[in-house]
Amino acid sequence: MKFVTAGIGAVAVAATLTPFGAMAAERTLTMVTALQRTNVLARSAIEVLIPEINKQGKGSLKITYVGGQEVVPPRKAAAALKRGQFNMLSAPTAYYIGTVPEGYALLAANQGPKVLRKNGAWEKLQAIYKAKAGAHLLAWGENMTSYYMFLTKKPPMDADGVPNLKGFKMRATGTYRPLFRALGATTINIKSSEIFTAVQRGTVDGFGFTDVSIVALGFHNVVKYRVMPNFYQTNQVITVNPAIWDSLTRKQRDIMNKVAVWYETESVKFVERERQKEEKIIAKSKMETIQLKGKAAAKYLSIAHGEIWKELKKRSKHADELAKLMYVEGKANRQLDIGRKLGEKR
């Protein structure tokens, strides 16, 4: 089934057929976001990445945003990129974790992209994404965004003070499924755009979601509890169709790579500014925070990260190598590292 409209497809084809070389005309590439365009993580790609590429690539390279989930269902977006229905994709790897389970390593890592680009992990991940997803891995955007568990009812706590989700129905992607199941929940697959309605109708008792876009999507109006501390860091990445990437001139690829590194910092700042705005609104809402502390918080985080690494170990021969490069035992997650202060060295 084809999900891209004829007009968008025509743009993609035109981009593919545009002549290139040292004297090439400006090249236009199309981009899709797997998340709703109102989601802050999608907005980051639209409002931060695309304008900067267009600014630095003026006369040589231009990115055109053609839509979000209305263009292609999020779980089919990576396959659509591979087929060339559009040229670039901003998406959580969670949507195609079955194809690239190594996306779990980005979730459970406590090292950032600067470290990964220096220690060889990034090159390893690029090879994996190309082989398994048929995509060139360009950037790890919004990489310090973390996650919360949201609930419509207050959970009982186990002997160690950790939420017991036995009997709870939780909406989950590959990002949250290992944690929720470890806590005893039943998990359900529902598109992110359908979470609000599912909660309203009682189809689910909760879900996991990023620490931003909560207000943008209205979740603070329908959930009663947010469990803290936050966990993971998003595996939201920018990928490019490899045939398109290979067809770019050296100058065009250099522009993309330069902006990608810039974006890995600037996207964090963009998201943090939006998160701070949302927190002020959440503070005035009826949503309560369940704050786990001490040993309970440590166990909760240990379960969250431990389950992810165990899941990767089951699915990938690269698990141990990636863990050595991307995870430092006993190191705090990166959000705690910087105290969420903008511009601080990462």
C-alpha atoms as a PDB file:
ATOM      1  CA  MET A   1       0.000   0.000   0.000  1.00  0.00           C
ATOM      2  CA  LYS A   2       1.303   3.434  -0.916  1.00  0.00           C
ATOM      3  CA  PHE A   3       0.895   6.112   1.712  1.00  0.00           C
ATOM      4  CA  VAL A   4       2.588   9.125   0.141  1.00  0.00           C
ATOM      5  CA  THR A   5       0.417  11.454  -1.893  1.00  0.00           C
ATOM      6  CA  ALA A   6       1.058  11.842  -5.590  1.00  0.00           C
ATOM      7  CA  GLY A   7       2.302  15.375  -5.087  1.00  0.00           C
ATOM      8  CA  ILE A   8       4.802  14.336  -2.433  1.00  0.00           C
ATOM      9  CA  GLY A   9       5.917  11.380  -4.501  1.00  0.00           C
ATOM     10  CA  ALA A  10       6.544  13.684  -7.431  1.00  0.00           C
ATOM     11  CA  VAL A  11       8.715  15.924  -5.277  1.00  0.00           C
ATOM     12  CA  ALA A  12      10.707  12.891  -4.094  1.00  0.00           C
ATOM     13  CA  VAL A  13      11.209  11.655  -7.650  1.00  0.00           C
ATOM     14  CA  ALA A  14      12.231  15.102  -8.790  1.00  0.00           C
ATOM     15  CA  ALA A  15      14.769  15.264  -5.973  1.00  0.00           C
ATOM     16  CA  THR A  16      16.169  11.896  -7.003  1.00  0.00           C
ATOM     17  CA  LEU A  17      16.479  12.870 -10.659  1.00  0.00           C
ATOM     18  CA  THR A  18      17.943  16.341 -10.145  1.00  0.00           C
ATOM     19  CA  PRO A  19      21.354  16.519 -11.842  1.00  0.00           C
ATOM     20  CA  PHE A  20      24.298  16.896  -9.561  1.00  0.00           C
ATOM     21  CA  GLY A  21      28.015  17.422  -9.685  1.00  0.00           C
ATOM     22  CA  ALA A  22      30.356  20.292  -9.098  1.00  0.00           C
ATOM     23  CA  MET A  23      28.059  22.692 -10.977  1.00  0.00           C
ATOM     24  CA  ALA A  24      24.728  21.160  -9.819  1.00  0.00           C
ATOM     25  CA  ALA A  25      21.661  23.303  -9.267  1.00  0.00           C
ATOM     26  CA  GLU A  26      20.185  23.525  -5.800  1.00  0.00           C
ATOM     27  CA  ARG A  27      19.101  20.046  -4.715  1.00  0.00           C
ATOM     28  CA  THR A  28      15.758  19.631  -2.935  1.00  0.00           C
ATOM     29  CA  LEU A  29      15.157  16.725  -0.525  1.00  0.00           C
ATOM     30  CA  THR A  30      11.874  15.817   1.162  1.00  0.00           C
ATOM     31  CA  MET A  31      11.499  15.081   4.884  1.00  0.00           C
ATOM     32  CA  VAL A  32       8.780  13.345   6.913  1.00  0.00           C
ATOM     33  CA  THR A  33       8.364  13.123  10.694  1.00  0.00           C
ATOM     34  CA  ALA A  34       6.984   9.905  12.202  1.00  0.00           C
ATOM     35  CA  LEU A  35       5.557  11.896  15.108  1.00  0.00           C
ATOM     36  CA  GLN A  36       2.685  14.365  14.784  1.00  0.00           C
ATOM     37  CA  ARG A  37       3.931  17.705  13.544  1.00  0.00           C
ATOM     38  CA  THR A  38       2.659  19.291  16.802  1.00  0.00           C
ATOM     39  CA  ASN A  39       4.940  17.050  18.875  1.00  0.00           C
ATOM     40  CA  VAL A  40       7.904  19.049  20.176  1.00  0.00           C
ATOM     41  CA  LEU A  41      10.354  16.410  18.918  1.00  0.00           C
ATOM     42  CA  ALA A  42       8.913  16.693  15.417  1.00  0.00           C
ATOM     43  CA  ARG A  43       8.892  20.487  15.686  1.00  0.00           C
ATOM     44  CA  SER A  44      12.584  20.354  16.541  1.00  0.00           C
ATOM     45  CA  ALA A  45      13.365  18.797  13.160  1.00  0.00           C
ATOM     46  CA  ILE A  46      10.995  21.184  11.389  1.00  0.00           C
ATOM     47  CA  GLU A  47      12.007  24.389  13.195  1.00  0.00           C
ATOM     48  CA  VAL A  48      15.683  23.754  13.996  1.00  0.00           C
ATOM     49  CA  LEU A  49      17.242  21.251  11.573  1.00  0.00           C
ATOM     50  CA  ILE A  50      15.531  22.142   8.302  1.00  0.00           C
ATOM     51  CA  PRO A  51      16.029  25.943   8.514  1.00  0.00           C
ATOM     52  CA  GLU A  52      19.725  25.522   9.338  1.00  0.00           C
ATOM     53  CA  ILE A  53      20.379  23.146   6.442  1.00  0.00           C
ATOM     54  CA  ASN A  54      18.506  25.510   4.141  1.00  0.00           C
ATOM     55  CA  LYS A  55      20.514  28.450   5.458  1.00  0.00           C
ATOM     56  CA  GLN A  56      23.913  26.799   5.108  1.00  0.00           C
ATOM     57  CA  GLY A  57      22.978  25.011   1.903  1.00  0.00           C
ATOM     58  CA  LYS A  58      21.485  28.013   0.100  1.00  0.00           C
ATOM     59  CA  GLY A  59      22.054  27.576  -3.602  1.00  0.00           C
ATOM     60  CA  SER A  60      23.224  23.998  -3.104  1.00  0.00           C
ATOM     61  CA  LEU A  61      20.811  22.100  -0.872  1.00  0.00           C
ATOM     62  CA  LYS A  62      17.259  22.557   0.374  1.00  0.00           C
ATOM     63  CA  ILE A  63      15.038  20.417   2.625  1.00  0.00           C
ATOM     64  CA  THR A  64      11.264  20.533   2.217  1.00  0.00           C
ATOM     65  CA  TYR A  65       9.028  19.221   5.008  1.00  0.00           C
ATOM     66  CA  VAL A  66       6.109  17.272   3.538  1.00  0.00           C
ATOM     67  CA  GLY A  67       4.257  16.053   6.643  1.00  0.00           C
ATOM     68  CA  GLY A  68       3.951  13.699   9.572  1.00  0.00           C
ATOM     69  CA  GLN A  69       1.632  10.807  10.394  1.00  0.00           C
ATOM     70  CA  GLU A  70      -0.850  11.969   7.765  1.00  0.00           C
ATOM     71  CA  VAL A  71       1.757  11.082   5.118  1.00  0.00           C
ATOM     72  CA  VAL A  72       2.626   7.581   6.338  1.00  0.00           C
ATOM     73  CA  PRO A  73       1.765   5.546   9.470  1.00  0.00           C
ATOM     74  CA  PRO A  74       4.658   5.930  11.936  1.00  0.00           C
ATOM     75  CA  ARG A  75       5.511   2.239  12.126  1.00  0.00           C
ATOM     76  CA  LYS A  76       5.784   2.100   8.327  1.00  0.00           C
ATOM     77  CA  ALA A  77       7.784   5.296   7.899  1.00  0.00           C
ATOM     78  CA  ALA A  78      11.237   3.655   8.009  1.00  0.00           C
ATOM     79  CA  ALA A  79      10.245   1.156   5.322  1.00  0.00           C
ATOM     80  CA  ALA A  80       8.799   3.987   3.214  1.00  0.00           C
ATOM     81  CA  LEU A  81      12.094   5.874   3.506  1.00  0.00           C
ATOM     82  CA  LYS A  82      13.978   2.774   2.396  1.00  0.00           C
ATOM     83  CA  ARG A  83      11.703   2.476  -0.659  1.00  0.00           C
ATOM     84  CA  GLY A  84      12.397   6.095  -1.548  1.00  0.00           C
ATOM     85  CA  GLN A  85       8.911   7.502  -1.003  1.00  0.00           C
ATOM     86  CA  PHE A  86      10.649  10.465   0.599  1.00  0.00           C
ATOM     87  CA  ASN A  87      14.283  11.327   1.235  1.00  0.00           C
ATOM     88  CA  MET A  88      14.694  11.985   4.972  1.00  0.00           C
ATOM     89  CA  LEU A  89      12.963  10.844   8.145  1.00  0.00           C
ATOM     90  CA  SER A  90      12.825  12.096  11.728  1.00  0.00           C
ATOM     91  CA  ALA A  91      11.574   9.223  13.896  1.00  0.00           C
ATOM     92  CA  PRO A  92      12.086   7.327  17.129  1.00  0.00           C
ATOM     93  CA  THR A  93      13.831   4.045  16.349  1.00  0.00           C
ATOM     94  CA  ALA A  94      11.231   2.548  18.702  1.00  0.00           C
ATOM     95  CA  TYR A  95       8.836   2.520  15.742  1.00  0.00           C
ATOM     96  CA  TYR A  96      11.083   0.055  13.904  1.00  0.00           C
ATOM     97  CA  ILE A  97      12.891  -1.571  16.809  1.00  0.00           C
ATOM     98  CA  GLY A  98      12.146  -5.005  15.344  1.00  0.00           C
ATOM     99  CA  THR A  99      14.263  -4.057  12.345  1.00  0.00           C
ATOM    100  CA  VAL A 100      17.000  -2.212  14.247  1.00  0.00           C
ATOM    101  CA  PRO A 101      17.027  -3.523  17.834  1.00  0.00           C
ATOM    102  CA  GLU A 102      20.272  -1.640  18.355  1.00  0.00           C
ATOM    103  CA  GLY A 103      18.066   1.413  18.774  1.00  0.00           C
ATOM    104  CA  TYR A 104      17.675   0.097  22.318  1.00  0.00           C
ATOM    105  CA  ALA A 105      21.311   1.067  22.936  1.00  0.00           C
ATOM    106  CA  LEU A 106      20.468   4.730  22.338  1.00  0.00           C
ATOM    107  CA  LEU A 107      17.625   4.471  24.851  1.00  0.00           C
ATOM    108  CA  ALA A 108      19.682   2.939  27.638  1.00  0.00           C
ATOM    109  CA  ALA A 109      22.921   4.816  26.961  1.00  0.00           C
ATOM    110  CA  ASN A 110      24.230   7.355  29.432  1.00  0.00           C
ATOM    111  CA  GLN A 111      26.782   8.744  26.991  1.00  0.00           C
ATOM    112  CA  GLY A 112      25.915  11.438  24.466  1.00  0.00           C
ATOM    113  CA  PRO A 113      26.514  11.853  20.731  1.00  0.00           C
ATOM    114  CA  LYS A 114      29.769  13.771  21.191  1.00  0.00           C
ATOM    115  CA  VAL A 115      31.281  10.776  22.957  1.00  0.00           C
ATOM    116  CA  LEU A 116      29.801   8.321  20.467  1.00  0.00           C
ATOM    117  CA  ARG A 117      31.253  10.226  17.510  1.00  0.00           C
ATOM    118  CA  LYS A 118      34.711  10.095  19.117  1.00  0.00           C
ATOM    119  CA  ASN A 119      34.847   6.499  20.373  1.00  0.00           C
ATOM    120  CA  GLY A 120      33.646   4.716  17.225  1.00  0.00           C
ATOM    121  CA  ALA A 121      30.129   3.929  18.404  1.00  0.00           C
ATOM    122  CA  TRP A 122      28.563   6.274  15.858  1.00  0.00           C
ATOM    123  CA  GLU A 123      30.298   4.615  12.909  1.00  0.00           C
ATOM    124  CA  LYS A 124      29.184   1.245  14.255  1.00  0.00           C
ATOM    125  CA  LEU A 125      25.579   2.432  14.516  1.00  0.00           C
ATOM    126  CA  GLN A 126      25.716   3.909  11.007  1.00  0.00           C
ATOM    127  CA  ALA A 127      26.800   0.544   9.615  1.00  0.00           C
ATOM    128  CA  ILE A 128      23.992  -1.197  11.509  1.00  0.00           C
ATOM    129  CA  TYR A 129      21.277   1.227  10.367  1.00  0.00           C
ATOM    130  CA  LYS A 130      22.435   0.935   6.752  1.00  0.00           C
ATOM    131  CA  ALA A 131      22.502  -2.874   6.847  1.00  0.00           C
ATOM    132  CA  LYS A 132      19.250  -3.395   8.739  1.00  0.00           C
ATOM    133  CA  ALA A 133      17.047  -0.382   7.942  1.00  0.00           C
ATOM    134  CA  GLY A 134      18.492   0.568   4.592  1.00  0.00           C
ATOM    135  CA  ALA A 135      19.095   4.080   5.906  1.00  0.00           C
ATOM    136  CA  HIS A 136      22.001   6.442   6.423  1.00  0.00           C
ATOM    137  CA  LEU A 137      22.098   7.539  10.073  1.00  0.00           C
ATOM    138  CA  LEU A 138      22.706  11.291  10.050  1.00  0.00           C
ATOM    139  CA  ALA A 139      21.984  12.634  13.538  1.00  0.00           C
ATOM    140  CA  TRP A 140      20.762  11.700  17.018  1.00  0.00           C
ATOM    141  CA  GLY A 141      18.379  14.569  17.616  1.00  0.00           C
ATOM    142  CA  GLU A 142      16.687  15.627  20.861  1.00  0.00           C
ATOM    143  CA  ASN A 143      19.072  13.162  22.506  1.00  0.00           C
ATOM    144  CA  MET A 144      18.660  14.336  26.075  1.00  0.00           C
ATOM    145  CA  THR A 145      14.889  14.016  26.074  1.00  0.00           C
ATOM    146  CA  SER A 146      13.845  11.485  28.706  1.00  0.00           C
ATOM    147  CA  TYR A 147      10.622   9.674  29.602  1.00  0.00           C
ATOM    148  CA  TYR A 148       7.976   9.401  32.301  1.00  0.00           C
ATOM    149  CA  MET A 149       5.314   6.842  33.084  1.00  0.00           C
ATOM    150  CA  PHE A 150       1.810   8.355  33.098  1.00  0.00           C
ATOM    151  CA  LEU A 151      -1.158   6.663  34.818  1.00  0.00           C
ATOM    152  CA  THR A 152      -4.895   7.167  35.168  1.00  0.00           C
ATOM    153  CA  LYS A 153      -4.972   5.480  38.577  1.00  0.00           C
ATOM    154  CA  LYS A 154      -2.584   5.266  41.484  1.00  0.00           C
ATOM    155  CA  PRO A 155      -0.605   1.996  41.502  1.00  0.00           C
ATOM    156  CA  PRO A 156       0.173  -0.095  44.571  1.00  0.00           C
ATOM    157  CA  MET A 157       3.846  -0.233  45.490  1.00  0.00           C
ATOM    158  CA  ASP A 158       5.936  -3.352  45.996  1.00  0.00           C
ATOM    159  CA  ALA A 159       7.999  -3.975  49.119  1.00  0.00           C
ATOM    160  CA  ASP A 160      10.793  -1.767  47.737  1.00  0.00           C
ATOM    161  CA  GLY A 161       8.476   1.139  46.911  1.00  0.00           C
ATOM    162  CA  VAL A 162       8.373   0.519  43.136  1.00  0.00           C
ATOM    163  CA  PRO A 163       5.028   0.682  41.257  1.00  0.00           C
ATOM    164  CA  ASN A 164       3.307  -2.680  40.764  1.00  0.00           C
ATOM    165  CA  LEU A 165       1.429  -2.601  37.459  1.00  0.00           C
ATOM    166  CA  LYS A 166      -0.206  -6.012  37.669  1.00  0.00           C
ATOM    167  CA  GLY A 167      -3.677  -5.644  36.152  1.00  0.00           C
ATOM    168  CA  PHE A 168      -2.765  -2.392  34.358  1.00  0.00           C
ATOM    169  CA  LYS A 169      -3.177  -2.065  30.584  1.00  0.00           C
ATOM    170  CA  MET A 170      -0.393   0.129  29.281  1.00  0.00           C
ATOM    171  CA  ARG A 171       0.034   1.603  25.828  1.00  0.00           C
ATOM    172  CA  ALA A 172       3.592   0.816  24.774  1.00  0.00           C
ATOM    173  CA  THR A 173       6.043   0.851  21.903  1.00  0.00           C
ATOM    174  CA  GLY A 174       9.358  -1.000  21.964  1.00  0.00           C
ATOM    175  CA  THR A 175      10.663   1.849  24.090  1.00  0.00           C
ATOM    176  CA  TYR A 176       8.485   1.099  27.105  1.00  0.00           C
ATOM    177  CA  ARG A 177       7.391  -2.515  26.673  1.00  0.00           C
ATOM    178  CA  PRO A 178      10.325  -4.141  28.548  1.00  0.00           C
ATOM    179  CA  LEU A 179       9.873  -1.873  31.594  1.00  0.00           C
ATOM    180  CA  PHE A 180       6.072  -2.124  31.773  1.00  0.00           C
ATOM    181  CA  ARG A 181       6.090  -5.891  31.452  1.00  0.00           C
ATOM    182  CA  ALA A 182       8.804  -6.144  34.100  1.00  0.00           C
ATOM    183  CA  LEU A 183       6.480  -4.178  36.400  1.00  0.00           C
ATOM    184  CA  GLY A 184       3.641  -6.626  35.674  1.00  0.00           C
ATOM    185  CA  ALA A 185       1.546  -4.734  33.112  1.00  0.00           C
ATOM    186  CA  THR A 186      -0.163  -5.925  29.962  1.00  0.00           C
ATOM    187  CA  THR A 187       0.954  -3.848  26.977  1.00  0.00           C
ATOM    188  CA  ILE A 188      -1.127  -2.635  24.035  1.00  0.00           C
ATOM    189  CA  ASN A 189      -0.017  -1.222  20.674  1.00  0.00           C
ATOM    190  CA  ILE A 190      -1.704   2.106  19.905  1.00  0.00           C
ATOM    191  CA  LYS A 191      -0.494   4.960  17.701  1.00  0.00           C
ATOM    192  CA  SER A 192       0.717   7.997  19.626  1.00  0.00           C
ATOM    193  CA  SER A 193      -1.995  10.062  17.936  1.00  0.00           C
ATOM    194  CA  GLU A 194      -4.622   7.774  19.529  1.00  0.00           C
ATOM    195  CA  ILE A 195      -3.323   7.841  23.125  1.00  0.00           C
ATOM    196  CA  PHE A 196      -5.560  10.722  24.235  1.00  0.00           C
ATOM    197  CA  THR A 197      -8.743   8.946  23.084  1.00  0.00           C
ATOM    198  CA  ALA A 198      -7.589   5.586  24.467  1.00  0.00           C
ATOM    199  CA  VAL A 199      -7.100   7.138  27.903  1.00  0.00           C
ATOM    200  CA  GLN A 200     -10.451   8.922  27.776  1.00  0.00           C
ATOM    201  CA  ARG A 201     -12.251   5.694  26.876  1.00  0.00           C
ATOM    202  CA  GLY A 202     -10.409   3.601  29.464  1.00  0.00           C
ATOM    203  CA  THR A 203      -8.804   1.414  26.801  1.00  0.00           C
ATOM    204  CA  VAL A 204      -5.495   1.907  28.600  1.00  0.00           C
ATOM    205  CA  ASP A 205      -4.600   2.727  32.202  1.00  0.00           C
ATOM    206  CA  GLY A 206      -1.451   4.549  31.276  1.00  0.00           C
ATOM    207  CA  PHE A 207       1.443   4.975  28.898  1.00  0.00           C
ATOM    208  CA  GLY A 208       5.031   6.047  28.656  1.00  0.00           C
ATOM    209  CA  PHE A 209       5.903   9.288  26.960  1.00  0.00           C
ATOM    210  CA  THR A 210       8.630  11.854  26.623  1.00  0.00           C
ATOM    211  CA  ASP A 211       9.085  14.568  29.223  1.00  0.00           C
ATOM    212  CA  VAL A 212       7.946  17.106  26.644  1.00  0.00           C
ATOM    213  CA  SER A 213       4.883  17.474  24.349  1.00  0.00           C
ATOM    214  CA  ILE A 214       2.676  16.441  27.274  1.00  0.00           C
ATOM    215  CA  VAL A 215       0.867  19.772  27.169  1.00  0.00           C
ATOM    216  CA  ALA A 216       1.051  20.101  23.394  1.00  0.00           C
ATOM    217  CA  LEU A 217      -0.917  16.864  23.091  1.00  0.00           C
ATOM    218  CA  GLY A 218      -3.237  17.584  26.025  1.00  0.00           C
ATOM    219  CA  PHE A 219      -2.171  14.608  28.145  1.00  0.00           C
ATOM    220  CA  HIS A 220      -2.029  16.689  31.324  1.00  0.00           C
ATOM    221  CA  ASN A 221      -5.810  16.989  31.075  1.00  0.00           C
ATOM    222  CA  VAL A 222      -6.557  13.242  31.005  1.00  0.00           C
ATOM    223  CA  VAL A 223      -3.947  11.516  33.171  1.00  0.00           C
ATOM    224  CA  LYS A 224      -3.913  11.705  36.949  1.00  0.00           C
ATOM    225  CA  TYR A 225      -0.370  10.653  37.830  1.00  0.00           C
ATOM    226  CA  ARG A 226       3.180  11.039  36.562  1.00  0.00           C
ATOM    227  CA  VAL A 227       5.834   8.764  38.023  1.00  0.00           C
ATOM    228  CA  MET A 228       9.298  10.224  38.623  1.00  0.00           C
ATOM    229  CA  PRO A 229      12.265   9.975  38.209  1.00  0.00           C
ATOM    230  CA  ASN A 230      12.539  10.246  34.449  1.00  0.00           C
ATOM    231  CA  PHE A 231      14.295   7.420  32.615  1.00  0.00           C
ATOM    232  CA  TYR A 232      16.088   6.666  29.315  1.00  0.00           C
ATOM    233  CA  GLN A 233      16.961   9.176  26.624  1.00  0.00           C
ATOM    234  CA  THR A 234      15.134   9.245  23.329  1.00  0.00           C
ATOM    235  CA  ASN A 235      16.325   7.232  20.330  1.00  0.00           C
ATOM    236  CA  GLN A 236      14.934   9.845  17.971  1.00  0.00           C
ATOM    237  CA  VAL A 237      17.178   9.940  14.898  1.00  0.00           C
ATOM    238  CA  ILE A 238      17.427  11.613  11.514  1.00  0.00           C
ATOM    239  CA  THR A 239      17.976   9.139   8.692  1.00  0.00           C
ATOM    240  CA  VAL A 240      18.440   9.592   4.950  1.00  0.00           C
ATOM    241  CA  ASN A 241      17.670   7.237   2.085  1.00  0.00           C
ATOM    242  CA  PRO A 242      21.147   5.815   1.271  1.00  0.00           C
ATOM    243  CA  ALA A 243      20.765   6.150  -2.503  1.00  0.00           C
ATOM    244  CA  ILE A 244      19.962   9.821  -2.022  1.00  0.00           C
ATOM    245  CA  TRP A 245      22.858  10.249   0.396  1.00  0.00           C
ATOM    246  CA  ASP A 246      25.315   8.644  -2.028  1.00  0.00           C
ATOM    247  CA  SER A 247      24.038  10.847  -4.860  1.00  0.00           C
ATOM    248  CA  LEU A 248      24.797  14.084  -3.028  1.00  0.00           C
ATOM    249  CA  THR A 249      27.953  15.988  -3.832  1.00  0.00           C
ATOM    250  CA  ARG A 250      30.747  16.136  -1.270  1.00  0.00           C
ATOM    251  CA  LYS A 251      29.800  19.751  -0.551  1.00  0.00           C
ATOM    252  CA  GLN A 252      26.168  18.794   0.101  1.00  0.00           C
ATOM    253  CA  ARG A 253      27.137  15.909   2.396  1.00  0.00           C
ATOM    254  CA  ASP A 254      29.561  18.178   4.255  1.00  0.00           C
ATOM    255  CA  ILE A 255      26.748  20.657   4.860  1.00  0.00           C
ATOM    256  CA  MET A 256      24.475  17.886   6.145  1.00  0.00           C
ATOM    257  CA  ASN A 257      27.160  16.455   8.446  1.00  0.00           C
ATOM    258  CA  LYS A 258      28.123  19.855   9.833  1.00  0.00           C
ATOM    259  CA  VAL A 259      24.508  20.774  10.583  1.00  0.00           C
ATOM    260  CA  ALA A 260      23.862  17.295  12.050  1.00  0.00           C
ATOM    261  CA  VAL A 261      26.535  17.785  14.728  1.00  0.00           C
ATOM    262  CA  TRP A 262      25.217  21.292  15.463  1.00  0.00           C
ATOM    263  CA  TYR A 263      21.679  19.937  15.641  1.00  0.00           C
ATOM    264  CA  GLU A 264      22.586  17.332  18.250  1.00  0.00           C
ATOM    265  CA  THR A 265      23.201  20.193  20.685  1.00  0.00           C
ATOM    266  CA  GLU A 266      20.732  22.789  19.436  1.00  0.00           C
ATOM    267  CA  SER A 267      17.821  20.331  19.389  1.00  0.00           C
ATOM    268  CA  VAL A 268      18.432  19.630  23.080  1.00  0.00           C
ATOM    269  CA  LYS A 269      18.244  23.345  23.835  1.00  0.00           C
ATOM    270  CA  PHE A 270      15.067  23.732  21.774  1.00  0.00           C
ATOM    271  CA  VAL A 271      13.337  20.859  23.537  1.00  0.00           C
ATOM    272  CA  GLU A 272      14.430  22.035  26.972  1.00  0.00           C
ATOM    273  CA  ARG A 273      12.981  25.482  26.411  1.00  0.00           C
ATOM    274  CA  GLU A 274       9.674  23.901  25.404  1.00  0.00           C
ATOM    275  CA  ARG A 275       9.773  21.518  28.377  1.00  0.00           C
ATOM    276  CA  GLN A 276      10.227  24.377  30.815  1.00  0.00           C
ATOM    277  CA  LYS A 277       7.181  26.147  29.335  1.00  0.00           C
ATOM    278  CA  GLU A 278       5.116  22.982  29.706  1.00  0.00           C
ATOM    279  CA  GLU A 279       6.209  22.361  33.296  1.00  0.00           C
ATOM    280  CA  LYS A 280       4.692  25.692  34.337  1.00  0.00           C
ATOM    281  CA  ILE A 281       1.352  24.600  32.885  1.00  0.00           C
ATOM    282  CA  ILE A 282       1.573  21.100  34.360  1.00  0.00           C
ATOM    283  CA  ALA A 283       2.189  22.615  37.801  1.00  0.00           C
ATOM    284  CA  LYS A 284      -1.254  24.263  37.569  1.00  0.00           C
ATOM    285  CA  SER A 285      -3.014  21.116  36.337  1.00  0.00           C
ATOM    286  CA  LYS A 286      -4.647  18.348  38.384  1.00  0.00           C
ATOM    287  CA  MET A 287      -1.978  15.819  37.449  1.00  0.00           C
ATOM    288  CA  GLU A 288      -0.083  14.607  40.518  1.00  0.00           C
ATOM    289  CA  THR A 289       3.518  13.467  40.663  1.00  0.00           C
ATOM    290  CA  ILE A 290       4.477  10.197  42.330  1.00  0.00           C
ATOM    291  CA  GLN A 291       8.087  10.880  43.309  1.00  0.00           C
ATOM    292  CA  LEU A 292      10.169   7.775  43.948  1.00  0.00           C
ATOM    293  CA  LYS A 293      13.197   8.423  46.115  1.00  0.00           C
ATOM    294  CA  GLY A 294      16.279   6.697  47.419  1.00  0.00           C
ATOM    295  CA  LYS A 295      16.363   2.922  46.977  1.00  0.00           C
ATOM    296  CA  ALA A 296      12.949   2.890  45.286  1.00  0.00           C
ATOM    297  CA  ALA A 297      14.104   5.338  42.613  1.00  0.00           C
ATOM    298  CA  ALA A 298      17.366   3.444  42.148  1.00  0.00           C
ATOM    299  CA  LYS A 299      15.531   0.140  41.706  1.00  0.00           C
ATOM    300  CA  TYR A 300      13.024   1.684  39.303  1.00  0.00           C
ATOM    301  CA  LEU A 301      15.817   3.079  37.107  1.00  0.00           C
ATOM    302  CA  SER A 302      17.781  -0.157  37.386  1.00  0.00           C
ATOM    303  CA  ILE A 303      14.779  -2.118  36.116  1.00  0.00           C
ATOM    304  CA  ALA A 304      14.189   0.365  33.289  1.00  0.00           C
ATOM    305  CA  HIS A 305      17.739   0.400  31.953  1.00  0.00           C
ATOM    306  CA  GLY A 306      18.497  -3.202  32.827  1.00  0.00           C
ATOM    307  CA  GLU A 307      15.497  -4.511  30.908  1.00  0.00           C
ATOM    308  CA  ILE A 308      16.514  -2.556  27.824  1.00  0.00           C
ATOM    309  CA  TRP A 309      20.046  -3.931  27.818  1.00  0.00           C
ATOM    310  CA  LYS A 310      18.703  -7.451  28.405  1.00  0.00           C
ATOM    311  CA  GLU A 311      16.326  -7.016  25.493  1.00  0.00           C
ATOM    312  CA  LEU A 312      19.155  -5.867  23.240  1.00  0.00           C
ATOM    313  CA  LYS A 313      21.281  -8.818  24.338  1.00  0.00           C
ATOM    314  CA  LYS A 314      18.534 -11.188  23.156  1.00  0.00           C
ATOM    315  CA  ARG A 315      18.269  -9.509  19.770  1.00  0.00           C
ATOM    316  CA  SER A 316      21.713  -8.319  18.745  1.00  0.00           C
ATOM    317  CA  LYS A 317      25.215  -9.715  18.522  1.00  0.00           C
ATOM    318  CA  HIS A 318      26.422  -6.123  18.912  1.00  0.00           C
ATOM    319  CA  ALA A 319      24.938  -5.668  22.399  1.00  0.00           C
ATOM    320  CA  ASP A 320      28.110  -6.099  24.446  1.00  0.00           C
ATOM    321  CA  GLU A 321      30.210  -3.945  22.132  1.00  0.00           C
ATOM    322  CA  LEU A 322      27.662  -1.130  22.133  1.00  0.00           C
ATOM    323  CA  ALA A 323      27.239  -1.292  25.901  1.00  0.00           C
ATOM    324  CA  LYS A 324      30.990  -0.809  26.379  1.00  0.00           C
ATOM    325  CA  LEU A 325      30.960   2.260  24.148  1.00  0.00           C
ATOM    326  CA  MET A 326      27.671   3.811  25.209  1.00  0.00           C
ATOM    327  CA  TYR A 327      27.064   2.954  28.858  1.00  0.00           C
ATOM    328  CA  VAL A 328      29.156   3.623  31.966  1.00  0.00           C
ATOM    329  CA  GLU A 329      28.095   1.536  34.943  1.00  0.00           C
ATOM    330  CA  GLY A 330      27.057   3.676  37.897  1.00  0.00           C
ATOM    331  CA  LYS A 331      27.066   6.929  35.919  1.00  0.00           C
ATOM    332  CA  ALA A 332      23.988   9.105  36.361  1.00  0.00           C
ATOM    333  CA  ASN A 333      21.704   9.585  33.405  1.00  0.00           C
ATOM    334  CA  ARG A 334      22.604  12.642  31.360  1.00  0.00           C
ATOM    335  CA  GLN A 335      19.633  14.692  32.529  1.00  0.00           C
ATOM    336  CA  LEU A 336      20.898  14.473  36.100  1.00  0.00           C
ATOM    337  CA  ASP A 337      24.450  15.094  34.902  1.00  0.00           C
ATOM    338  CA  ILE A 338      23.680  18.583  33.675  1.00  0.00           C
ATOM    339  CA  GLY A 339      20.837  19.428  36.010  1.00  0.00           C
ATOM    340  CA  ARG A 340      18.955  20.375  32.824  1.00  0.00           C
ATOM    341  CA  LYS A 341      20.927  23.608  32.474  1.00  0.00           C
ATOM    342  CA  LEU A 342      21.072  24.837  28.896  1.00  0.00           C
ATOM    343  CA  GLY A 343      24.425  25.201  27.235  1.00  0.00           C
ATOM    344  CA  GLU A 344      26.366  23.231  29.832  1.00  0.00           C
ATOM    345  CA  LYS A 345      29.072  20.953  28.520  1.00  0.00           C
ATOM    346  CA  ARG A 346      27.747  17.520  27.649  1.00  0.00           C
END
